[in-house]
C-alpha atoms as a PDB file:
ATOM      1  CA  MET A   1       0.000   0.000   0.000  1.00  0.00           C
ATOM      2  CA  THR A   2       1.146   3.534  -0.752  1.00  0.00           C
ATOM      3  CA  LEU A   3       1.138   6.115   2.024  1.00  0.00           C
ATOM      4  CA  ARG A   4      -1.894   7.731   0.406  1.00  0.00           C
ATOM      5  CA  GLU A   5      -3.784   4.447   0.524  1.00  0.00           C
ATOM      6  CA  GLN A   6      -2.875   4.027   4.176  1.00  0.00           C
ATOM      7  CA  ILE A   7      -4.227   7.502   4.940  1.00  0.00           C
ATOM      8  CA  GLU A   8      -7.388   6.778   2.983  1.00  0.00           C
ATOM      9  CA  GLN A   9      -7.851   3.535   4.884  1.00  0.00           C
ATOM     10  CA  SER A  10      -7.307   5.265   8.229  1.00  0.00           C
ATOM     11  CA  GLU A  11     -10.029   7.802   7.382  1.00  0.00           C
ATOM     12  CA  HIS A  12     -12.599   4.995   7.456  1.00  0.00           C
ATOM     13  CA  GLY A  13     -11.541   4.135  10.999  1.00  0.00           C
ATOM     14  CA  ILE A  14     -11.425   7.711  12.292  1.00  0.00           C
ATOM     15  CA  LEU A  15     -14.076   9.749  10.474  1.00  0.00           C
ATOM     16  CA  CYS A  16     -17.807   9.432  10.969  1.00  0.00           C
ATOM     17  CA  ASP A  17     -19.995   7.881   8.307  1.00  0.00           C
ATOM     18  CA  LYS A  18     -21.221  11.321   7.161  1.00  0.00           C
ATOM     19  CA  ALA A  19     -17.733  12.544   6.288  1.00  0.00           C
ATOM     20  CA  ALA A  20     -16.448  12.975   2.740  1.00  0.00           C
ATOM     21  CA  PHE A  21     -13.904  10.174   2.319  1.00  0.00           C
ATOM     22  CA  ALA A  22     -10.989  10.886   0.019  1.00  0.00           C
ATOM     23  CA  ASP A  23     -11.160   7.479  -1.667  1.00  0.00           C
ATOM     24  CA  GLN A  24     -14.830   8.099  -2.479  1.00  0.00           C
ATOM     25  CA  SER A  25     -14.303  11.503  -4.074  1.00  0.00           C
ATOM     26  CA  LEU A  26     -16.310  12.361  -7.165  1.00  0.00           C
ATOM     27  CA  GLY A  27     -12.989  13.029  -8.851  1.00  0.00           C
ATOM     28  CA  ARG A  28     -11.663  15.863 -10.965  1.00  0.00           C
ATOM     29  CA  GLU A  29     -12.862  17.422 -14.204  1.00  0.00           C
ATOM     30  CA  ARG A  30      -9.695  16.090 -15.846  1.00  0.00           C
ATOM     31  CA  GLU A  31      -8.626  12.664 -14.696  1.00  0.00           C
ATOM     32  CA  GLU A  32      -5.184  12.404 -13.092  1.00  0.00           C
ATOM     33  CA  ALA A  33      -3.107   9.631 -11.635  1.00  0.00           C
ATOM     34  CA  PRO A  34      -3.376   9.708  -7.810  1.00  0.00           C
ATOM     35  CA  ASP A  35      -0.472  10.945  -5.718  1.00  0.00           C
ATOM     36  CA  GLU A  36       1.490   8.313  -3.800  1.00  0.00           C
ATOM     37  CA  VAL A  37       1.664  10.375  -0.606  1.00  0.00           C
ATOM     38  CA  ARG A  38      -1.310  12.736  -0.492  1.00  0.00           C
ATOM     39  CA  THR A  39      -5.042  12.141  -0.728  1.00  0.00           C
ATOM     40  CA  CYS A  40      -6.949  14.128  -3.352  1.00  0.00           C
ATOM     41  CA  PHE A  41      -8.070  16.715  -0.782  1.00  0.00           C
ATOM     42  CA  MET A  42      -4.558  17.128   0.634  1.00  0.00           C
ATOM     43  CA  ARG A  43      -3.323  17.639  -2.896  1.00  0.00           C
ATOM     44  CA  ASP A  44      -6.007  20.279  -3.541  1.00  0.00           C
ATOM     45  CA  ARG A  45      -5.011  22.147  -0.392  1.00  0.00           C
ATOM     46  CA  ASP A  46      -1.401  22.251  -1.547  1.00  0.00           C
ATOM     47  CA  ARG A  47      -2.326  23.408  -5.043  1.00  0.00           C
ATOM     48  CA  ILE A  48      -4.322  26.314  -3.638  1.00  0.00           C
ATOM     49  CA  ILE A  49      -1.580  27.383  -1.217  1.00  0.00           C
ATOM     50  CA  HIS A  50       1.000  27.397  -4.025  1.00  0.00           C
ATOM     51  CA  SER A  51      -1.216  29.333  -6.445  1.00  0.00           C
ATOM     52  CA  LYS A  52      -0.566  32.929  -7.474  1.00  0.00           C
ATOM     53  CA  ALA A  53      -4.125  33.911  -6.573  1.00  0.00           C
ATOM     54  CA  PHE A  54      -3.560  32.759  -2.989  1.00  0.00           C
ATOM     55  CA  ARG A  55      -0.387  34.843  -2.656  1.00  0.00           C
ATOM     56  CA  ARG A  56      -2.188  37.931  -3.960  1.00  0.00           C
ATOM     57  CA  LEU A  57      -4.643  37.776  -1.058  1.00  0.00           C
ATOM     58  CA  LYS A  58      -2.025  39.362   1.213  1.00  0.00           C
ATOM     59  CA  HIS A  59      -2.499  42.664  -0.633  1.00  0.00           C
ATOM     60  CA  LYS A  60      -6.297  42.614  -0.884  1.00  0.00           C
ATOM     61  CA  THR A  61      -8.574  44.517   1.472  1.00  0.00           C
ATOM     62  CA  GLN A  62     -10.597  42.781   4.143  1.00  0.00           C
ATOM     63  CA  VAL A  63     -12.439  45.785   5.655  1.00  0.00           C
ATOM     64  CA  PHE A  64     -10.047  48.725   5.971  1.00  0.00           C
ATOM     65  CA  LEU A  65      -8.455  49.989   2.765  1.00  0.00           C
ATOM     66  CA  SER A  66      -4.635  50.021   2.789  1.00  0.00           C
ATOM     67  CA  PRO A  67      -4.332  50.088   6.590  1.00  0.00           C
ATOM     68  CA  GLU A  68      -1.076  51.488   7.931  1.00  0.00           C
ATOM     69  CA  GLY A  69      -0.908  49.299  11.036  1.00  0.00           C
ATOM     70  CA  ASP A  70       0.790  45.903  10.940  1.00  0.00           C
ATOM     71  CA  HIS A  71      -2.019  44.077  12.724  1.00  0.00           C
ATOM     72  CA  TYR A  72      -5.037  44.764  10.522  1.00  0.00           C
ATOM     73  CA  ARG A  73      -6.463  41.802   8.670  1.00  0.00           C
ATOM     74  CA  THR A  74      -6.056  41.324   4.954  1.00  0.00           C
ATOM     75  CA  ARG A  75      -7.956  38.905   2.753  1.00  0.00           C
ATOM     76  CA  LEU A  76      -5.122  36.405   3.332  1.00  0.00           C
ATOM     77  CA  THR A  77      -5.194  36.509   7.131  1.00  0.00           C
ATOM     78  CA  HIS A  78      -8.985  36.248   6.997  1.00  0.00           C
ATOM     79  CA  THR A  79      -8.627  33.126   4.864  1.00  0.00           C
ATOM     80  CA  LEU A  80      -6.207  31.559   7.340  1.00  0.00           C
ATOM     81  CA  GLU A  81      -8.591  32.237  10.236  1.00  0.00           C
ATOM     82  CA  VAL A  82     -11.464  30.643   8.308  1.00  0.00           C
ATOM     83  CA  ALA A  83      -9.287  27.606   7.610  1.00  0.00           C
ATOM     84  CA  GLN A  84      -8.357  27.210  11.261  1.00  0.00           C
ATOM     85  CA  ILE A  85     -11.954  27.446  12.481  1.00  0.00           C
ATOM     86  CA  SER A  86     -13.027  24.993   9.772  1.00  0.00           C
ATOM     87  CA  ARG A  87     -10.372  22.481  10.807  1.00  0.00           C
ATOM     88  CA  THR A  88     -11.329  22.740  14.477  1.00  0.00           C
ATOM     89  CA  VAL A  89     -15.000  22.056  13.809  1.00  0.00           C
ATOM     90  CA  ALA A  90     -14.299  19.311  11.266  1.00  0.00           C
ATOM     91  CA  ARG A  91     -11.985  17.478  13.632  1.00  0.00           C
ATOM     92  CA  ALA A  92     -14.427  17.695  16.535  1.00  0.00           C
ATOM     93  CA  LEU A  93     -17.234  16.296  14.368  1.00  0.00           C
ATOM     94  CA  ARG A  94     -14.966  13.612  12.852  1.00  0.00           C
ATOM     95  CA  LEU A  95     -15.355  15.047   9.373  1.00  0.00           C
ATOM     96  CA  ASN A  96     -12.639  15.439   6.752  1.00  0.00           C
ATOM     97  CA  GLU A  97     -10.260  18.188   7.910  1.00  0.00           C
ATOM     98  CA  ASP A  98      -8.308  18.179   4.659  1.00  0.00           C
ATOM     99  CA  LEU A  99     -11.411  18.864   2.594  1.00  0.00           C
ATOM    100  CA  ALA A 100     -12.637  21.583   4.958  1.00  0.00           C
ATOM    101  CA  GLU A 101      -9.220  23.238   4.903  1.00  0.00           C
ATOM    102  CA  ALA A 102      -8.914  23.125   1.106  1.00  0.00           C
ATOM    103  CA  ILE A 103     -12.334  24.742   0.660  1.00  0.00           C
ATOM    104  CA  ALA A 104     -11.543  27.417   3.250  1.00  0.00           C
ATOM    105  CA  LEU A 105      -8.198  28.275   1.662  1.00  0.00           C
ATOM    106  CA  GLY A 106      -9.805  28.659  -1.761  1.00  0.00           C
ATOM    107  CA  HIS A 107     -13.068  30.342  -0.840  1.00  0.00           C
ATOM    108  CA  ASP A 108     -11.988  33.980  -1.417  1.00  0.00           C
ATOM    109  CA  LEU A 109      -9.527  33.618  -4.314  1.00  0.00           C
ATOM    110  CA  GLY A 110     -11.928  35.497  -6.585  1.00  0.00           C
ATOM    111  CA  HIS A 111     -12.282  38.585  -4.414  1.00  0.00           C
ATOM    112  CA  THR A 112     -11.701  41.895  -6.144  1.00  0.00           C
ATOM    113  CA  PRO A 113      -9.293  44.610  -5.028  1.00  0.00           C
ATOM    114  CA  PHE A 114     -10.758  46.916  -2.358  1.00  0.00           C
ATOM    115  CA  GLY A 115     -12.978  44.220  -0.870  1.00  0.00           C
ATOM    116  CA  HIS A 116     -16.719  44.418  -1.433  1.00  0.00           C
ATOM    117  CA  ALA A 117     -16.332  47.934  -2.864  1.00  0.00           C
ATOM    118  CA  GLY A 118     -14.649  46.406  -5.905  1.00  0.00           C
ATOM    119  CA  GLU A 119     -17.392  43.800  -6.119  1.00  0.00           C
ATOM    120  CA  ARG A 120     -20.062  46.516  -6.125  1.00  0.00           C
ATOM    121  CA  ALA A 121     -18.204  48.547  -8.738  1.00  0.00           C
ATOM    122  CA  LEU A 122     -17.900  45.630 -11.168  1.00  0.00           C
ATOM    123  CA  SER A 123     -21.556  44.770 -10.672  1.00  0.00           C
ATOM    124  CA  ALA A 124     -22.591  48.361 -11.400  1.00  0.00           C
ATOM    125  CA  VAL A 125     -20.406  48.925 -14.448  1.00  0.00           C
ATOM    126  CA  ARG A 126     -21.248  45.569 -16.035  1.00  0.00           C
ATOM    127  CA  GLY A 127     -24.948  45.752 -15.268  1.00  0.00           C
ATOM    128  CA  ILE A 128     -24.940  42.180 -13.925  1.00  0.00           C
ATOM    129  CA  PRO A 129     -23.994  40.923 -10.456  1.00  0.00           C
ATOM    130  CA  PHE A 130     -20.369  40.104  -9.793  1.00  0.00           C
ATOM    131  CA  ASN A 131     -20.191  37.400  -7.135  1.00  0.00           C
ATOM    132  CA  HIS A 132     -16.807  36.613  -5.636  1.00  0.00           C
ATOM    133  CA  ASN A 133     -17.703  32.979  -4.946  1.00  0.00           C
ATOM    134  CA  GLU A 134     -18.389  32.415  -8.643  1.00  0.00           C
ATOM    135  CA  GLN A 135     -15.159  34.219  -9.499  1.00  0.00           C
ATOM    136  CA  SER A 136     -13.243  32.061  -7.000  1.00  0.00           C
ATOM    137  CA  LEU A 137     -14.515  29.012  -8.855  1.00  0.00           C
ATOM    138  CA  ARG A 138     -13.456  30.569 -12.137  1.00  0.00           C
ATOM    139  CA  VAL A 139      -9.964  31.236 -10.764  1.00  0.00           C
ATOM    140  CA  VAL A 140      -9.325  27.635  -9.762  1.00  0.00           C
ATOM    141  CA  ARG A 141     -11.008  26.110 -12.816  1.00  0.00           C
ATOM    142  CA  LEU A 142      -9.891  28.383 -15.646  1.00  0.00           C
ATOM    143  CA  LEU A 143      -7.457  31.146 -14.714  1.00  0.00           C
ATOM    144  CA  GLU A 144      -4.659  29.683 -12.621  1.00  0.00           C
ATOM    145  CA  LYS A 145      -1.609  28.036 -14.231  1.00  0.00           C
ATOM    146  CA  ASP A 146      -1.872  30.049 -17.441  1.00  0.00           C
ATOM    147  CA  GLY A 147      -5.441  29.013 -18.125  1.00  0.00           C
ATOM    148  CA  LYS A 148      -5.080  25.359 -17.223  1.00  0.00           C
ATOM    149  CA  GLY A 149      -6.658  25.766 -13.796  1.00  0.00           C
ATOM    150  CA  LEU A 150      -5.819  23.779 -10.686  1.00  0.00           C
ATOM    151  CA  ASN A 151      -8.069  20.834 -11.593  1.00  0.00           C
ATOM    152  CA  LEU A 152      -9.413  20.485  -8.056  1.00  0.00           C
ATOM    153  CA  SER A 153     -11.706  17.774  -6.748  1.00  0.00           C
ATOM    154  CA  ARG A 154     -15.402  18.331  -7.341  1.00  0.00           C
ATOM    155  CA  GLU A 155     -16.054  18.452  -3.580  1.00  0.00           C
ATOM    156  CA  VAL A 156     -13.661  21.390  -3.216  1.00  0.00           C
ATOM    157  CA  LEU A 157     -15.180  23.205  -6.189  1.00  0.00           C
ATOM    158  CA  ASP A 158     -18.652  22.742  -4.724  1.00  0.00           C
ATOM    159  CA  GLY A 159     -17.590  24.051  -1.315  1.00  0.00           C
ATOM    160  CA  ILE A 160     -15.911  27.136  -2.786  1.00  0.00           C
ATOM    161  CA  LEU A 161     -18.976  28.011  -4.851  1.00  0.00           C
ATOM    162  CA  CYS A 162     -21.414  27.439  -2.005  1.00  0.00           C
ATOM    163  CA  HIS A 163     -19.564  29.176   0.844  1.00  0.00           C
ATOM    164  CA  THR A 164     -21.953  32.079   0.273  1.00  0.00           C
ATOM    165  CA  GLY A 165     -25.075  32.655  -1.795  1.00  0.00           C
ATOM    166  CA  PRO A 166     -28.300  30.660  -2.049  1.00  0.00           C
ATOM    167  CA  LYS A 167     -26.840  27.202  -2.644  1.00  0.00           C
ATOM    168  CA  GLU A 168     -25.725  24.932   0.173  1.00  0.00           C
ATOM    169  CA  ALA A 169     -22.651  22.739  -0.240  1.00  0.00           C
ATOM    170  CA  HIS A 170     -23.278  19.040  -0.787  1.00  0.00           C
ATOM    171  CA  THR A 171     -20.695  18.049   1.824  1.00  0.00           C
ATOM    172  CA  ARG A 172     -20.814  18.786   5.534  1.00  0.00           C
ATOM    173  CA  GLU A 173     -17.254  20.036   5.244  1.00  0.00           C
ATOM    174  CA  GLY A 174     -18.382  22.675   2.767  1.00  0.00           C
ATOM    175  CA  ARG A 175     -21.209  23.721   5.066  1.00  0.00           C
ATOM    176  CA  ILE A 176     -18.711  24.117   7.918  1.00  0.00           C
ATOM    177  CA  VAL A 177     -16.727  26.637   5.843  1.00  0.00           C
ATOM    178  CA  ARG A 178     -19.869  28.683   5.218  1.00  0.00           C
ATOM    179  CA  PHE A 179     -20.326  29.127   8.983  1.00  0.00           C
ATOM    180  CA  ALA A 180     -16.601  29.496   9.678  1.00  0.00           C
ATOM    181  CA  ASP A 181     -16.364  32.349   7.177  1.00  0.00           C
ATOM    182  CA  ARG A 182     -19.043  34.290   9.015  1.00  0.00           C
ATOM    183  CA  ILE A 183     -17.635  33.494  12.466  1.00  0.00           C
ATOM    184  CA  ALA A 184     -14.188  34.690  11.369  1.00  0.00           C
ATOM    185  CA  TYR A 185     -15.094  37.934   9.654  1.00  0.00           C
ATOM    186  CA  ILE A 186     -17.618  39.147  12.212  1.00  0.00           C
ATOM    187  CA  ASN A 187     -15.166  38.721  15.050  1.00  0.00           C
ATOM    188  CA  HIS A 188     -11.937  39.836  13.444  1.00  0.00           C
ATOM    189  CA  ASP A 189     -13.686  42.843  11.912  1.00  0.00           C
ATOM    190  CA  ILE A 190     -14.729  43.861  15.433  1.00  0.00           C
ATOM    191  CA  ASP A 191     -11.095  43.548  16.479  1.00  0.00           C
ATOM    192  CA  ASP A 192      -9.907  45.709  13.571  1.00  0.00           C
ATOM    193  CA  ALA A 193     -12.662  48.278  14.104  1.00  0.00           C
ATOM    194  CA  ILE A 194     -11.659  48.660  17.753  1.00  0.00           C
ATOM    195  CA  ARG A 195      -8.012  49.024  16.715  1.00  0.00           C
ATOM    196  CA  ALA A 196      -9.056  51.726  14.223  1.00  0.00           C
ATOM    197  CA  GLY A 197     -11.074  53.631  16.822  1.00  0.00           C
ATOM    198  CA  VAL A 198     -14.303  53.112  14.900  1.00  0.00           C
ATOM    199  CA  LEU A 199     -15.768  50.903  17.618  1.00  0.00           C
ATOM    200  CA  SER A 200     -15.226  50.016  21.262  1.00  0.00           C
ATOM    201  CA  GLU A 201     -16.140  46.890  23.206  1.00  0.00           C
ATOM    202  CA  GLU A 202     -18.650  48.995  25.147  1.00  0.00           C
ATOM    203  CA  ASP A 203     -20.556  49.671  21.908  1.00  0.00           C
ATOM    204  CA  ILE A 204     -21.442  45.999  21.434  1.00  0.00           C
ATOM    205  CA  PRO A 205     -24.983  45.423  22.726  1.00  0.00           C
ATOM    206  CA  PHE A 206     -25.035  43.974  26.240  1.00  0.00           C
ATOM    207  CA  ASP A 207     -27.339  41.072  25.394  1.00  0.00           C
ATOM    208  CA  ILE A 208     -24.937  39.916  22.659  1.00  0.00           C
ATOM    209  CA  LYS A 209     -21.940  40.111  24.995  1.00  0.00           C
ATOM    210  CA  LEU A 210     -23.910  38.244  27.639  1.00  0.00           C
ATOM    211  CA  ALA A 211     -24.767  35.464  25.210  1.00  0.00           C
ATOM    212  CA  LEU A 212     -21.516  35.182  23.236  1.00  0.00           C
ATOM    213  CA  GLY A 213     -18.855  36.734  25.442  1.00  0.00           C
ATOM    214  CA  ALA A 214     -17.267  40.104  26.064  1.00  0.00           C
ATOM    215  CA  THR A 215     -13.942  39.430  24.317  1.00  0.00           C
ATOM    216  CA  HIS A 216     -12.778  38.374  20.865  1.00  0.00           C
ATOM    217  CA  SER A 217     -11.595  34.928  21.961  1.00  0.00           C
ATOM    218  CA  ARG A 218     -14.682  34.188  24.042  1.00  0.00           C
ATOM    219  CA  ARG A 219     -17.023  35.055  21.194  1.00  0.00           C
ATOM    220  CA  ILE A 220     -15.187  32.810  18.745  1.00  0.00           C
ATOM    221  CA  SER A 221     -15.086  29.996  21.315  1.00  0.00           C
ATOM    222  CA  ALA A 222     -18.805  30.359  21.984  1.00  0.00           C
ATOM    223  CA  LEU A 223     -19.702  30.177  18.298  1.00  0.00           C
ATOM    224  CA  VAL A 224     -17.312  27.332  17.486  1.00  0.00           C
ATOM    225  CA  ASN A 225     -18.456  25.349  20.534  1.00  0.00           C
ATOM    226  CA  ALA A 226     -22.080  25.931  19.528  1.00  0.00           C
ATOM    227  CA  MET A 227     -21.369  24.464  16.096  1.00  0.00           C
ATOM    228  CA  ILE A 228     -19.659  21.443  17.628  1.00  0.00           C
ATOM    229  CA  ALA A 229     -22.436  20.839  20.161  1.00  0.00           C
ATOM    230  CA  TYR A 230     -25.097  21.159  17.485  1.00  0.00           C
ATOM    231  CA  GLY A 231     -23.241  18.790  15.167  1.00  0.00           C
ATOM    232  CA  LEU A 232     -22.703  16.162  17.842  1.00  0.00           C
ATOM    233  CA  ASP A 233     -26.366  16.386  18.864  1.00  0.00           C
ATOM    234  CA  THR A 234     -28.019  16.439  15.433  1.00  0.00           C
ATOM    235  CA  GLY A 235     -25.411  15.177  12.980  1.00  0.00           C
ATOM    236  CA  GLU A 236     -25.950  18.333  10.926  1.00  0.00           C
ATOM    237  CA  ILE A 237     -24.006  21.578  10.474  1.00  0.00           C
ATOM    238  CA  GLY A 238     -25.374  24.629  12.243  1.00  0.00           C
ATOM    239  CA  MET A 239     -26.034  26.147  15.639  1.00  0.00           C
ATOM    240  CA  ASP A 240     -28.823  26.215  18.175  1.00  0.00           C
ATOM    241  CA  ASP A 241     -31.458  28.886  17.511  1.00  0.00           C
ATOM    242  CA  SER A 242     -30.385  31.169  20.365  1.00  0.00           C
ATOM    243  CA  THR A 243     -26.701  31.299  19.378  1.00  0.00           C
ATOM    244  CA  LEU A 244     -27.537  31.719  15.708  1.00  0.00           C
ATOM    245  CA  ARG A 245     -29.909  34.558  16.537  1.00  0.00           C
ATOM    246  CA  HIS A 246     -27.236  36.358  18.554  1.00  0.00           C
ATOM    247  CA  MET A 247     -24.624  35.848  15.819  1.00  0.00           C
ATOM    248  CA  ASP A 248     -27.014  37.315  13.248  1.00  0.00           C
ATOM    249  CA  ALA A 249     -27.679  40.242  15.597  1.00  0.00           C
ATOM    250  CA  LEU A 250     -23.931  40.831  15.933  1.00  0.00           C
ATOM    251  CA  ARG A 251     -23.560  40.771  12.159  1.00  0.00           C
ATOM    252  CA  ALA A 252     -26.412  43.278  11.777  1.00  0.00           C
ATOM    253  CA  PHE A 253     -24.717  45.486  14.394  1.00  0.00           C
ATOM    254  CA  MET A 254     -21.464  45.354  12.395  1.00  0.00           C
ATOM    255  CA  PHE A 255     -23.235  46.363   9.188  1.00  0.00           C
ATOM    256  CA  GLU A 256     -24.755  49.361  10.891  1.00  0.00           C
ATOM    257  CA  GLU A 257     -21.713  50.485  12.872  1.00  0.00           C
ATOM    258  CA  VAL A 258     -18.716  49.435  10.726  1.00  0.00           C
ATOM    259  CA  TYR A 259     -19.482  48.094   7.242  1.00  0.00           C
ATOM    260  CA  GLN A 260     -21.574  51.178   6.438  1.00  0.00           C
ATOM    261  CA  ASN A 261     -19.651  53.576   8.685  1.00  0.00           C
ATOM    262  CA  PRO A 262     -18.481  56.686   6.763  1.00  0.00           C
ATOM    263  CA  VAL A 263     -15.254  56.798   8.786  1.00  0.00           C
ATOM    264  CA  ALA A 264     -14.302  53.193   8.027  1.00  0.00           C
ATOM    265  CA  LYS A 265     -15.628  53.314   4.479  1.00  0.00           C
ATOM    266  CA  GLY A 266     -14.919  56.928   3.556  1.00  0.00           C
ATOM    267  CA  GLU A 267     -12.449  56.012   0.792  1.00  0.00           C
ATOM    268  CA  GLU A 268     -14.613  53.359  -0.829  1.00  0.00           C
ATOM    269  CA  GLY A 269     -16.136  55.802  -3.301  1.00  0.00           C
ATOM    270  CA  LYS A 270     -12.662  56.466  -4.688  1.00  0.00           C
ATOM    271  CA  SER A 271     -11.935  52.749  -4.852  1.00  0.00           C
ATOM    272  CA  GLU A 272     -15.135  52.070  -6.749  1.00  0.00           C
ATOM    273  CA  ALA A 273     -14.292  54.885  -9.164  1.00  0.00           C
ATOM    274  CA  ILE A 274     -10.900  53.284  -9.852  1.00  0.00           C
ATOM    275  CA  VAL A 275     -12.475  49.909 -10.620  1.00  0.00           C
ATOM    276  CA  ARG A 276     -15.131  51.458 -12.854  1.00  0.00           C
ATOM    277  CA  TYR A 277     -12.510  53.449 -14.760  1.00  0.00           C
ATOM    278  CA  LEU A 278     -10.268  50.417 -15.276  1.00  0.00           C
ATOM    279  CA  TYR A 279     -13.165  48.356 -16.568  1.00  0.00           C
ATOM    280  CA  GLN A 280     -14.331  51.011 -19.011  1.00  0.00           C
ATOM    281  CA  HIS A 281     -10.798  51.695 -20.185  1.00  0.00           C
ATOM    282  CA  PHE A 282      -9.924  48.096 -21.026  1.00  0.00           C
ATOM    283  CA  VAL A 283     -13.295  47.378 -22.629  1.00  0.00           C
ATOM    284  CA  GLN A 284     -12.793  50.392 -24.900  1.00  0.00           C
ATOM    285  CA  ASP A 285      -9.102  49.685 -25.538  1.00  0.00           C
ATOM    286  CA  ALA A 286      -8.771  45.899 -25.533  1.00  0.00           C
ATOM    287  CA  GLY A 287      -5.289  46.108 -27.016  1.00  0.00           C
ATOM    288  CA  ARG A 288      -4.010  47.333 -23.642  1.00  0.00           C
ATOM    289  CA  LEU A 289      -5.219  44.174 -21.956  1.00  0.00           C
ATOM    290  CA  PRO A 290      -2.350  41.786 -21.037  1.00  0.00           C
ATOM    291  CA  ALA A 291      -1.826  39.130 -23.694  1.00  0.00           C
ATOM    292  CA  GLU A 292      -2.796  36.200 -21.446  1.00  0.00           C
ATOM    293  CA  TYR A 293      -6.369  37.524 -21.358  1.00  0.00           C
ATOM    294  CA  TRP A 294      -6.825  37.643 -25.135  1.00  0.00           C
ATOM    295  CA  ALA A 295      -7.648  33.929 -25.291  1.00  0.00           C
ATOM    296  CA  ILE A 296     -10.240  34.451 -22.567  1.00  0.00           C
ATOM    297  CA  ALA A 297     -11.745  37.318 -24.568  1.00  0.00           C
ATOM    298  CA  ASP A 298     -11.980  35.080 -27.656  1.00  0.00           C
ATOM    299  CA  ARG A 299     -13.583  32.254 -25.693  1.00  0.00           C
ATOM    300  CA  ASP A 300     -15.791  34.049 -23.156  1.00  0.00           C
ATOM    301  CA  GLY A 301     -16.053  37.624 -24.409  1.00  0.00           C
ATOM    302  CA  LEU A 302     -14.098  40.813 -23.786  1.00  0.00           C
ATOM    303  CA  ASP A 303     -16.329  41.790 -20.864  1.00  0.00           C
ATOM    304  CA  VAL A 304     -15.443  38.602 -19.001  1.00  0.00           C
ATOM    305  CA  ALA A 305     -11.722  38.879 -19.770  1.00  0.00           C
ATOM    306  CA  VAL A 306     -11.580  42.436 -18.446  1.00  0.00           C
ATOM    307  CA  CYS A 307     -13.489  41.384 -15.351  1.00  0.00           C
ATOM    308  CA  ASP A 308     -11.031  38.506 -14.785  1.00  0.00           C
ATOM    309  CA  TYR A 309      -8.074  40.881 -15.114  1.00  0.00           C
ATOM    310  CA  ILE A 310      -9.433  43.485 -12.698  1.00  0.00           C
ATOM    311  CA  ALA A 311     -10.752  40.975 -10.156  1.00  0.00           C
ATOM    312  CA  GLY A 312      -7.306  39.409  -9.953  1.00  0.00           C
ATOM    313  CA  MET A 313      -5.604  42.706  -9.118  1.00  0.00           C
ATOM    314  CA  THR A 314      -4.345  43.535  -5.651  1.00  0.00           C
ATOM    315  CA  ASP A 315      -5.286  46.897  -4.166  1.00  0.00           C
ATOM    316  CA  ARG A 316      -1.896  48.418  -4.865  1.00  0.00           C
ATOM    317  CA  TYR A 317      -1.650  47.032  -8.392  1.00  0.00           C
ATOM    318  CA  ALA A 318      -5.074  48.472  -9.254  1.00  0.00           C
ATOM    319  CA  VAL A 319      -3.949  51.884  -7.981  1.00  0.00           C
ATOM    320  CA  MET A 320      -0.684  51.622  -9.926  1.00  0.00           C
ATOM    321  CA  VAL A 321      -2.433  50.764 -13.206  1.00  0.00           C
ATOM    322  CA  TYR A 322      -4.942  53.572 -12.641  1.00  0.00           C
ATOM    323  CA  GLN A 323      -2.140  56.069 -12.032  1.00  0.00           C
ATOM    324  CA  GLU A 324      -0.275  54.954 -15.149  1.00  0.00           C
ATOM    325  CA  LEU A 325      -3.399  55.489 -17.218  1.00  0.00           C
ATOM    326  CA  THR A 326      -4.539  58.799 -15.745  1.00  0.00           C
ATOM    327  CA  ILE A 327      -1.570  60.735 -14.370  1.00  0.00           C
ATOM    328  CA  PRO A 328       0.738  62.368 -16.917  1.00  0.00           C
ATOM    329  CA  LYS A 329       4.402  61.452 -16.683  1.00  0.00           C
ATOM    330  CA  SER A 330       7.138  64.057 -16.543  1.00  0.00           C
ATOM    331  CA  TRP A 331       8.924  64.709 -19.834  1.00  0.00           C
ATOM    332  CA  SER A 332      12.619  64.221 -19.798  1.00  0.00           C
ATOM    333  CA  LYS A 333      15.209  63.901 -22.559  1.00  0.00           C
ATOM    334  CA  TYR A 334      18.913  63.698 -22.021  1.00  0.00           C
END
């Protein structure tokens, strides 16, 4: 037996019968020979971590645009927190940690520069919704590795697509990531908002603090433990009604006080203007589009190719391209 086969065999002795077993995967869109060491889900995790799109997450906004402090979250640190929460819950419920981790690491690869501001701008300028979960799927299927894609397992693709939006993932591991994403961003965005002076712990409603905890770590523990208790009791992924209600109330509080706060979001109008300008510019002057996107334009249309290019930009790269296109350069001749 190869090491991979030994790991696959051990999964049947460790994981519960509702887990997604690696040796029962639905496979990949393009068939490949299995790895001798890693299961298919371990291999997917590694492919995502080594992708260019994953590395770009370190320079993409989470909530605060281009924060000066070293301790603010970026889209990359958010992703790592989601992965850790997902692993914790999956292990406690005897589900497949490797699958949960792979989905979590890939769930935000399609996010635009400037966070949800970029998403809104692309939706407005195109006249159709831009959804980052659909773009994340596009990244791993069609854009990475010079258009070859990462050829991930179907379970990972499903979990990435369904981490948000109306559809629910087919696997319990995918459903864990959907909850873990929300647990992570609500709580770390509170932490960043307090650091930025936009919010204080005293601003959080008392009934929420009483139910979930008065500190960052206690709130995360309460929500993670609620997921584990609910899973052990019902065999499903979720939370008890009371905890879920308080988490939703905390999320609504964050929308009112932070996500729509003019202090925290005061620069978003400029960011949206940059994204709109870039889109209009490259649609009108397709020859300026990088050559690797020409094949996409031929296959899927210029609109889609331009959207792919802009969505893949980091915050600072988007600003740099905008400046090159709009700010005149000094004339010099020696």
